[in-house]
C-alpha atoms as a PDB file:
ATOM      1  CA  UNK A   1      13.828  22.340  42.409  1.00  0.00           C
ATOM      2  CA  UNK A   2      10.483  22.099  44.144  1.00  0.00           C
ATOM      3  CA  UNK A   3       7.189  22.196  42.306  1.00  0.00           C
ATOM      4  CA  UNK A   4       6.253  25.448  44.065  1.00  0.00           C
ATOM      5  CA  UNK A   5       9.440  27.173  42.900  1.00  0.00           C
ATOM      6  CA  UNK A   6       8.929  25.934  39.357  1.00  0.00           C
ATOM      7  CA  UNK A   7       5.348  27.260  39.398  1.00  0.00           C
ATOM      8  CA  UNK A   8       6.544  30.694  40.558  1.00  0.00           C
ATOM      9  CA  UNK A   9       9.174  30.755  37.788  1.00  0.00           C
ATOM     10  CA  UNK A  10       6.509  29.888  35.239  1.00  0.00           C
ATOM     11  CA  UNK A  11       4.210  32.639  36.512  1.00  0.00           C
ATOM     12  CA  UNK A  12       6.986  35.231  36.461  1.00  0.00           C
ATOM     13  CA  UNK A  13       8.069  34.325  32.941  1.00  0.00           C
ATOM     14  CA  UNK A  14       4.487  34.450  31.675  1.00  0.00           C
ATOM     15  CA  UNK A  15       4.053  37.965  33.070  1.00  0.00           C
ATOM     16  CA  UNK A  16       7.386  39.113  31.663  1.00  0.00           C
ATOM     17  CA  UNK A  17       6.549  37.581  28.291  1.00  0.00           C
ATOM     18  CA  UNK A  18       3.221  39.416  28.134  1.00  0.00           C
ATOM     19  CA  UNK A  19       5.009  42.695  28.906  1.00  0.00           C
ATOM     20  CA  UNK A  20       7.728  41.999  26.329  1.00  0.00           C
ATOM     21  CA  UNK A  21       5.160  41.294  23.620  1.00  0.00           C
ATOM     22  CA  UNK A  22       2.916  44.299  24.360  1.00  0.00           C
ATOM     23  CA  UNK A  23       3.682  46.947  21.744  1.00  0.00           C
ATOM     24  CA  UNK A  24       2.043  49.653  23.864  1.00  0.00           C
ATOM     25  CA  UNK A  25       4.841  49.239  26.417  1.00  0.00           C
ATOM     26  CA  UNK A  26       7.966  51.379  25.821  1.00  0.00           C
ATOM     27  CA  UNK A  27      10.801  49.594  24.053  1.00  0.00           C
ATOM     28  CA  UNK A  28      13.293  49.910  26.914  1.00  0.00           C
ATOM     29  CA  UNK A  29      10.842  48.259  29.312  1.00  0.00           C
ATOM     30  CA  UNK A  30      10.098  45.457  26.837  1.00  0.00           C
ATOM     31  CA  UNK A  31      13.846  44.933  26.433  1.00  0.00           C
ATOM     32  CA  UNK A  32      14.315  44.798  30.229  1.00  0.00           C
ATOM     33  CA  UNK A  33      11.443  42.292  30.523  1.00  0.00           C
ATOM     34  CA  UNK A  34      13.123  40.079  27.910  1.00  0.00           C
ATOM     35  CA  UNK A  35      16.455  40.348  29.670  1.00  0.00           C
ATOM     36  CA  UNK A  36      14.903  39.541  33.054  1.00  0.00           C
ATOM     37  CA  UNK A  37      13.111  36.546  31.553  1.00  0.00           C
ATOM     38  CA  UNK A  38      16.397  35.227  30.132  1.00  0.00           C
ATOM     39  CA  UNK A  39      18.081  35.615  33.520  1.00  0.00           C
ATOM     40  CA  UNK A  40      15.286  33.725  35.248  1.00  0.00           C
ATOM     41  CA  UNK A  41      15.270  30.890  32.727  1.00  0.00           C
ATOM     42  CA  UNK A  42      18.943  30.552  31.795  1.00  0.00           C
ATOM     43  CA  UNK A  43      20.877  32.473  34.432  1.00  0.00           C
ATOM     44  CA  UNK A  44      23.401  30.949  36.736  1.00  0.00           C
ATOM     45  CA  UNK A  45      22.887  30.310  40.415  1.00  0.00           C
ATOM     46  CA  UNK A  46      19.990  29.270  42.557  1.00  0.00           C
ATOM     47  CA  UNK A  47      16.444  30.325  41.707  1.00  0.00           C
ATOM     48  CA  UNK A  48      16.698  32.994  44.423  1.00  0.00           C
ATOM     49  CA  UNK A  49      19.857  34.454  42.869  1.00  0.00           C
ATOM     50  CA  UNK A  50      18.298  34.436  39.398  1.00  0.00           C
ATOM     51  CA  UNK A  51      15.167  36.144  40.761  1.00  0.00           C
ATOM     52  CA  UNK A  52      17.276  38.797  42.512  1.00  0.00           C
ATOM     53  CA  UNK A  53      19.190  39.458  39.281  1.00  0.00           C
ATOM     54  CA  UNK A  54      15.944  39.783  37.322  1.00  0.00           C
ATOM     55  CA  UNK A  55      14.528  42.164  39.928  1.00  0.00           C
ATOM     56  CA  UNK A  56      17.687  44.241  39.682  1.00  0.00           C
ATOM     57  CA  UNK A  57      17.257  44.562  35.908  1.00  0.00           C
ATOM     58  CA  UNK A  58      13.639  45.640  36.283  1.00  0.00           C
ATOM     59  CA  UNK A  59      14.454  48.029  39.119  1.00  0.00           C
ATOM     60  CA  UNK A  60      17.166  49.659  37.036  1.00  0.00           C
ATOM     61  CA  UNK A  61      14.769  50.402  34.175  1.00  0.00           C
ATOM     62  CA  UNK A  62      12.134  51.687  36.601  1.00  0.00           C
ATOM     63  CA  UNK A  63      14.647  54.186  37.998  1.00  0.00           C
ATOM     64  CA  UNK A  64      15.608  55.458  34.529  1.00  0.00           C
ATOM     65  CA  UNK A  65      14.603  59.124  34.297  1.00  0.00           C
ATOM     66  CA  UNK A  66      14.394  58.878  30.483  1.00  0.00           C
ATOM     67  CA  UNK A  67      11.516  56.440  30.378  1.00  0.00           C
END
């Protein structure tokens, strides 16, 4: 994995971690941020596939009418 890709993964996980730890953020969004972070760090597939899966998780929670 290239250094640039690793840097982008680090940036994304830092942002997701800050969201997941912010108690002013709704619980379902914090949970989705944690789940997306896990997919990025420990998911299967290429970095692009893991990023797409994480985006899908975040998109799903953003489309939830109960948020």
